[in-house]
C-alpha atoms as a PDB file:
ATOM      1  CA  MET A   1     104.797 150.217 131.758  1.00  0.00           C
ATOM      2  CA  ILE A   2     101.956 149.867 129.224  1.00  0.00           C
ATOM      3  CA  TYR A   3      98.383 151.007 129.936  1.00  0.00           C
ATOM      4  CA  ARG A   4      95.345 150.308 127.757  1.00  0.00           C
ATOM      5  CA  GLY A   5      92.711 152.949 127.281  1.00  0.00           C
ATOM      6  CA  LYS A   6      89.937 153.922 124.883  1.00  0.00           C
ATOM      7  CA  VAL A   7      89.428 157.049 122.811  1.00  0.00           C
ATOM      8  CA  HIS A   8      86.294 159.001 123.781  1.00  0.00           C
ATOM      9  CA  GLY A   9      85.645 162.349 122.120  1.00  0.00           C
ATOM     10  CA  GLY A  10      89.217 162.561 120.826  1.00  0.00           C
ATOM     11  CA  VAL A  11      90.741 162.001 124.283  1.00  0.00           C
ATOM     12  CA  VAL A  12      92.447 158.820 125.501  1.00  0.00           C
ATOM     13  CA  VAL A  13      90.674 157.671 128.670  1.00  0.00           C
ATOM     14  CA  LEU A  14      92.650 155.339 130.917  1.00  0.00           C
ATOM     15  CA  PRO A  15      91.107 152.832 133.352  1.00  0.00           C
ATOM     16  CA  PRO A  16      90.167 154.150 136.810  1.00  0.00           C
ATOM     17  CA  GLY A  17      93.093 154.374 139.211  1.00  0.00           C
ATOM     18  CA  ILE A  18      95.751 155.058 136.565  1.00  0.00           C
ATOM     19  CA  ARG A  19      97.424 158.386 137.345  1.00  0.00           C
ATOM     20  CA  LEU A  20     100.189 159.784 135.147  1.00  0.00           C
ATOM     21  CA  PRO A  21     102.221 162.839 136.156  1.00  0.00           C
ATOM     22  CA  GLU A  22     101.191 166.123 134.519  1.00  0.00           C
ATOM     23  CA  GLY A  23     103.415 166.942 131.540  1.00  0.00           C
ATOM     24  CA  LEU A  24     104.662 163.348 131.084  1.00  0.00           C
ATOM     25  CA  ASP A  25     105.653 162.582 127.484  1.00  0.00           C
ATOM     26  CA  VAL A  26     103.718 159.555 126.218  1.00  0.00           C
ATOM     27  CA  THR A  27     103.529 157.530 123.020  1.00  0.00           C
ATOM     28  CA  VAL A  28     100.100 156.421 121.786  1.00  0.00           C
ATOM     29  CA  GLU A  29      99.597 153.719 119.155  1.00  0.00           C
ATOM     30  CA  PRO A  30      96.552 151.641 118.230  1.00  0.00           C
ATOM     31  CA  ALA A  31      96.360 148.288 120.019  1.00  0.00           C
ATOM     32  CA  PRO A  32      96.277 145.178 117.835  1.00  0.00           C
ATOM     33  CA  GLU A  33      92.766 144.041 116.976  1.00  0.00           C
ATOM     34  CA  GLU A  34      91.285 141.303 119.106  1.00  0.00           C
ATOM     35  CA  PRO A  35      91.098 137.962 117.288  1.00  0.00           C
ATOM     36  CA  ARG A  36      87.610 137.392 115.947  1.00  0.00           C
ATOM     37  CA  GLU A  37      85.680 134.224 116.603  1.00  0.00           C
ATOM     38  CA  THR A  38      86.168 131.645 113.910  1.00  0.00           C
ATOM     39  CA  GLN A  39      83.213 131.303 111.610  1.00  0.00           C
ATOM     40  CA  SER A  40      81.396 128.010 111.380  1.00  0.00           C
ATOM     41  CA  THR A  41      81.964 126.044 108.192  1.00  0.00           C
ATOM     42  CA  VAL A  42      78.205 125.416 108.022  1.00  0.00           C
ATOM     43  CA  PRO A  43      76.318 128.288 106.346  1.00  0.00           C
ATOM     44  CA  PRO A  44      74.269 130.335 108.870  1.00  0.00           C
ATOM     45  CA  ARG A  45      70.972 129.312 107.250  1.00  0.00           C
ATOM     46  CA  MET A  46      71.814 125.696 108.104  1.00  0.00           C
ATOM     47  CA  MET A  47      72.239 126.444 111.845  1.00  0.00           C
ATOM     48  CA  ARG A  48      69.567 127.247 114.404  1.00  0.00           C
ATOM     49  CA  ASN A  49      70.532 128.172 117.977  1.00  0.00           C
ATOM     50  CA  GLY A  50      74.012 126.773 117.352  1.00  0.00           C
ATOM     51  CA  VAL A  51      72.688 123.371 116.247  1.00  0.00           C
ATOM     52  CA  PRO A  52      72.769 122.077 112.669  1.00  0.00           C
ATOM     53  CA  VAL A  53      69.333 121.991 111.075  1.00  0.00           C
ATOM     54  CA  PHE A  54      68.338 118.622 109.669  1.00  0.00           C
ATOM     55  CA  SER A  55      66.303 118.426 106.515  1.00  0.00           C
ATOM     56  CA  ARG A  56      62.682 117.443 107.013  1.00  0.00           C
ATOM     57  CA  VAL A  57      63.019 114.460 104.702  1.00  0.00           C
ATOM     58  CA  CYS A  58      66.296 112.571 104.369  1.00  0.00           C
ATOM     59  CA  GLU A  59      66.272 109.764 101.839  1.00  0.00           C
ATOM     60  CA  GLY A  60      62.578 109.184 102.512  1.00  0.00           C
ATOM     61  CA  LEU A  61      63.028 108.991 106.296  1.00  0.00           C
ATOM     62  CA  ARG A  62      61.755 111.564 108.761  1.00  0.00           C
ATOM     63  CA  PRO A  63      63.580 112.239 112.013  1.00  0.00           C
ATOM     64  CA  GLY A  64      61.385 111.235 114.934  1.00  0.00           C
ATOM     65  CA  LEU A  65      61.310 111.840 118.663  1.00  0.00           C
ATOM     66  CA  GLU A  66      63.784 108.999 119.190  1.00  0.00           C
ATOM     67  CA  LEU A  67      66.457 110.858 117.185  1.00  0.00           C
ATOM     68  CA  VAL A  68      65.586 114.171 118.842  1.00  0.00           C
ATOM     69  CA  ASN A  69      65.889 112.644 122.319  1.00  0.00           C
ATOM     70  CA  LEU A  70      69.155 110.951 121.397  1.00  0.00           C
ATOM     71  CA  LEU A  71      70.652 114.224 120.185  1.00  0.00           C
ATOM     72  CA  ARG A  72      69.356 116.060 123.268  1.00  0.00           C
ATOM     73  CA  ASP A  73      70.854 113.462 125.632  1.00  0.00           C
ATOM     74  CA  GLU A  74      74.257 113.651 123.888  1.00  0.00           C
ATOM     75  CA  SER A  75      74.480 117.386 124.613  1.00  0.00           C
ATOM     76  CA  LEU A  76      73.903 116.945 128.383  1.00  0.00           C
END
């Protein structure tokens, strides 16, 4: 049986309810690291609240409320 615990103050602390017999020989090894979230391919400065930031002027056109509402409605 395998139990997961955490090291606190140099002691392995097991989850509540796990009782091992006194004097039991155990083997302790580090658990594999949890996979990290994949990073976005868009640089962080180009994202705001998880949404890509549009430039203020794109080929002479400015995004208006129509575009904003369209993008908002697509996310619902």
